[in-house]
């Protein structure tokens, strides 16, 4: 999933995608430990995907806080 498609998802979809990526990372780590994982680059892929999703969620959180702060400044 590319950055632009992560940006297009809603909050609930992002949280679902985050849970899915974390589950996939867990499964790949388990396969690595048992020696069944053939493509170790997938571990880095999932870690980066989780970081991208967390970054997008944090950006939205900051934007919402800024919008709320701007709204309270106008009324004060």
N, C-alpha and C. Protein backbone atom coordinates (compact mmCIF):
# COMPACT_ATOMS: atom_id res chain seq x y z
N UNK A 1 0.85 -1.17 0.00
CA UNK A 1 0.00 0.00 0.00
C UNK A 1 0.89 1.23 0.00
N UNK A 2 0.69 2.10 -0.94
CA UNK A 2 1.51 3.29 -1.09
C UNK A 2 1.07 4.38 -0.12
N UNK A 3 1.92 5.38 0.05
CA UNK A 3 1.62 6.49 0.96
C UNK A 3 0.32 7.19 0.59
N UNK A 4 0.10 7.42 -0.71
CA UNK A 4 -1.10 8.14 -1.12
C UNK A 4 -2.35 7.32 -0.82
N UNK A 5 -2.29 6.02 -0.87
CA UNK A 5 -3.47 5.24 -0.56
C UNK A 5 -3.72 5.18 0.95
N UNK A 6 -2.68 5.25 1.75
CA UNK A 6 -2.85 5.32 3.19
C UNK A 6 -3.53 6.63 3.55
N UNK A 7 -3.14 7.68 2.89
CA UNK A 7 -3.71 9.00 3.14
C UNK A 7 -5.20 9.04 2.79
N UNK A 8 -5.62 8.24 1.84
CA UNK A 8 -7.01 8.23 1.39
C UNK A 8 -7.93 7.43 2.30
N UNK A 9 -7.38 6.60 3.18
CA UNK A 9 -8.21 5.76 4.04
C UNK A 9 -8.79 6.56 5.19
N UNK A 10 -9.92 6.11 5.70
CA UNK A 10 -10.52 6.71 6.87
C UNK A 10 -9.83 6.22 8.13
N UNK A 11 -10.19 6.81 9.26
CA UNK A 11 -9.55 6.45 10.53
C UNK A 11 -9.79 4.98 10.89
N UNK A 12 -11.03 4.53 10.76
CA UNK A 12 -11.35 3.14 11.10
C UNK A 12 -10.61 2.18 10.17
N UNK A 13 -10.54 2.53 8.89
CA UNK A 13 -9.83 1.66 7.93
C UNK A 13 -8.34 1.63 8.25
N UNK A 14 -7.79 2.76 8.67
CA UNK A 14 -6.38 2.79 9.04
C UNK A 14 -6.11 1.91 10.26
N UNK A 15 -6.99 1.96 11.22
CA UNK A 15 -6.82 1.12 12.40
C UNK A 15 -6.92 -0.36 12.05
N UNK A 16 -7.82 -0.70 11.13
CA UNK A 16 -7.91 -2.09 10.67
C UNK A 16 -6.65 -2.50 9.93
N UNK A 17 -6.14 -1.61 9.09
CA UNK A 17 -4.91 -1.89 8.34
C UNK A 17 -3.73 -2.04 9.30
N UNK A 18 -3.70 -1.23 10.35
CA UNK A 18 -2.64 -1.32 11.34
C UNK A 18 -2.68 -2.67 12.06
N UNK A 19 -3.86 -3.09 12.45
CA UNK A 19 -4.00 -4.39 13.11
C UNK A 19 -3.58 -5.53 12.18
N UNK A 20 -3.95 -5.41 10.93
CA UNK A 20 -3.59 -6.43 9.95
C UNK A 20 -2.08 -6.49 9.75
N UNK A 21 -1.44 -5.34 9.65
CA UNK A 21 0.01 -5.29 9.46
C UNK A 21 0.74 -5.84 10.68
N UNK A 22 0.25 -5.52 11.87
CA UNK A 22 0.88 -6.05 13.08
C UNK A 22 0.73 -7.56 13.16
N UNK A 23 -0.41 -8.08 12.75
CA UNK A 23 -0.62 -9.52 12.75
C UNK A 23 0.30 -10.19 11.74
N UNK A 24 0.45 -9.59 10.58
CA UNK A 24 1.33 -10.15 9.56
C UNK A 24 2.78 -10.14 10.03
N UNK A 25 3.19 -9.05 10.69
CA UNK A 25 4.55 -8.98 11.23
C UNK A 25 4.77 -10.07 12.28
N UNK A 26 3.78 -10.26 13.15
CA UNK A 26 3.88 -11.30 14.16
C UNK A 26 4.04 -12.68 13.51
N UNK A 27 3.22 -12.95 12.51
CA UNK A 27 3.28 -14.24 11.82
C UNK A 27 4.63 -14.44 11.14
N UNK A 28 5.15 -13.39 10.51
CA UNK A 28 6.45 -13.50 9.85
C UNK A 28 7.57 -13.70 10.87
N UNK A 29 7.47 -13.03 12.01
CA UNK A 29 8.48 -13.25 13.06
C UNK A 29 8.43 -14.68 13.57
N UNK A 30 7.24 -15.20 13.69
CA UNK A 30 7.08 -16.59 14.14
C UNK A 30 7.70 -17.54 13.11
N UNK A 31 7.44 -17.29 11.83
CA UNK A 31 8.03 -18.12 10.78
C UNK A 31 9.55 -18.00 10.77
N UNK A 32 10.06 -16.79 11.04
CA UNK A 32 11.51 -16.61 11.10
C UNK A 32 12.10 -17.44 12.22
N UNK A 33 11.44 -17.45 13.36
CA UNK A 33 11.95 -18.19 14.52
C UNK A 33 11.94 -19.69 14.27
N UNK A 34 10.95 -20.16 13.50
CA UNK A 34 10.86 -21.59 13.23
C UNK A 34 11.64 -22.01 11.98
N UNK A 35 12.20 -21.02 11.28
CA UNK A 35 12.99 -21.31 10.09
C UNK A 35 12.16 -21.49 8.84
N UNK A 36 10.90 -21.12 8.87
CA UNK A 36 10.03 -21.30 7.70
C UNK A 36 9.95 -20.06 6.81
N UNK A 37 10.48 -18.94 7.27
CA UNK A 37 10.38 -17.70 6.50
C UNK A 37 11.46 -17.67 5.43
N UNK A 38 11.04 -17.56 4.18
CA UNK A 38 11.99 -17.55 3.07
C UNK A 38 12.41 -16.14 2.68
N UNK A 39 11.50 -15.18 2.79
CA UNK A 39 11.78 -13.81 2.38
C UNK A 39 11.86 -12.92 3.62
N UNK A 40 13.08 -12.71 4.13
CA UNK A 40 13.24 -11.91 5.34
C UNK A 40 12.99 -10.43 5.10
N UNK A 41 12.94 -9.99 3.87
CA UNK A 41 12.67 -8.58 3.56
C UNK A 41 11.24 -8.21 3.94
N UNK A 42 10.37 -9.20 4.05
CA UNK A 42 8.98 -8.92 4.45
C UNK A 42 8.91 -8.33 5.85
N UNK A 43 9.87 -8.69 6.72
CA UNK A 43 9.88 -8.13 8.07
C UNK A 43 10.06 -6.61 8.01
N UNK A 44 11.00 -6.15 7.21
CA UNK A 44 11.22 -4.71 7.04
C UNK A 44 10.01 -4.06 6.39
N UNK A 45 9.41 -4.74 5.44
CA UNK A 45 8.21 -4.20 4.78
C UNK A 45 7.11 -3.94 5.80
N UNK A 46 6.85 -4.91 6.66
CA UNK A 46 5.77 -4.74 7.63
C UNK A 46 6.10 -3.68 8.66
N UNK A 47 7.37 -3.62 9.09
CA UNK A 47 7.75 -2.58 10.05
C UNK A 47 7.56 -1.19 9.43
N UNK A 48 7.94 -1.04 8.18
CA UNK A 48 7.77 0.26 7.51
C UNK A 48 6.29 0.58 7.30
N UNK A 49 5.51 -0.42 6.97
CA UNK A 49 4.08 -0.20 6.77
C UNK A 49 3.42 0.25 8.07
N UNK A 50 3.78 -0.37 9.17
CA UNK A 50 3.26 0.01 10.48
C UNK A 50 3.67 1.45 10.80
N UNK A 51 4.92 1.79 10.51
CA UNK A 51 5.40 3.15 10.75
C UNK A 51 4.63 4.16 9.91
N UNK A 52 4.37 3.83 8.65
CA UNK A 52 3.61 4.73 7.77
C UNK A 52 2.20 4.98 8.31
N UNK A 53 1.56 3.92 8.75
CA UNK A 53 0.19 4.04 9.27
C UNK A 53 0.19 4.86 10.56
N UNK A 54 1.14 4.57 11.45
CA UNK A 54 1.23 5.33 12.70
C UNK A 54 1.51 6.80 12.44
N UNK A 55 2.34 7.09 11.44
CA UNK A 55 2.64 8.47 11.08
C UNK A 55 1.39 9.18 10.59
N UNK A 56 0.64 8.53 9.74
CA UNK A 56 -0.60 9.13 9.22
C UNK A 56 -1.60 9.38 10.35
N UNK A 57 -1.74 8.43 11.26
CA UNK A 57 -2.64 8.61 12.39
C UNK A 57 -2.19 9.77 13.27
N UNK A 58 -0.90 9.89 13.50
CA UNK A 58 -0.38 10.98 14.32
C UNK A 58 -0.57 12.33 13.62
N UNK A 59 -0.35 12.39 12.31
CA UNK A 59 -0.57 13.62 11.57
C UNK A 59 -2.03 14.08 11.69
N UNK A 60 -2.94 13.13 11.61
CA UNK A 60 -4.36 13.46 11.75
C UNK A 60 -4.67 13.93 13.16
N UNK A 61 -4.05 13.31 14.16
CA UNK A 61 -4.26 13.70 15.54
C UNK A 61 -3.78 15.14 15.77
N UNK A 62 -2.62 15.46 15.24
CA UNK A 62 -2.07 16.81 15.38
C UNK A 62 -2.94 17.82 14.66
N UNK A 63 -3.39 17.48 13.45
CA UNK A 63 -4.26 18.39 12.70
C UNK A 63 -5.56 18.65 13.43
N UNK A 64 -6.12 17.62 14.05
CA UNK A 64 -7.36 17.79 14.80
C UNK A 64 -7.13 18.67 16.02
N UNK A 65 -6.00 18.49 16.69
CA UNK A 65 -5.69 19.31 17.86
C UNK A 65 -5.47 20.76 17.46
N UNK A 66 -4.81 20.98 16.33
CA UNK A 66 -4.60 22.34 15.84
C UNK A 66 -5.93 22.99 15.47
N UNK A 67 -6.80 22.23 14.85
CA UNK A 67 -8.11 22.76 14.47
C UNK A 67 -8.93 23.11 15.71
N UNK A 68 -8.86 22.26 16.72
CA UNK A 68 -9.59 22.52 17.96
C UNK A 68 -9.01 23.74 18.67
N UNK A 69 -7.70 23.89 18.66
CA UNK A 69 -7.06 25.04 19.29
C UNK A 69 -7.41 26.32 18.56
N UNK A 70 -7.46 26.26 17.24
CA UNK A 70 -7.82 27.43 16.45
C UNK A 70 -9.26 27.81 16.70
N UNK A 71 -10.11 26.84 16.89
CA UNK A 71 -11.52 27.10 17.18
C UNK A 71 -11.74 27.74 18.53
N UNK A 72 -10.94 27.34 19.52
CA UNK A 72 -11.09 27.91 20.86
C UNK A 72 -10.46 29.29 20.95
N UNK A 73 -9.45 29.57 20.12
CA UNK A 73 -8.84 30.90 20.12
C UNK A 73 -9.80 31.94 19.55
N UNK A 74 -10.58 31.56 18.58
CA UNK A 74 -11.52 32.50 17.96
C UNK A 74 -12.64 32.88 18.92
N UNK A 75 -13.05 31.94 19.74
CA UNK A 75 -14.17 32.22 20.65
C UNK A 75 -13.70 32.91 21.92
N UNK A 76 -12.40 32.83 22.21
CA UNK A 76 -11.88 33.44 23.45
C UNK A 76 -11.62 34.91 23.30
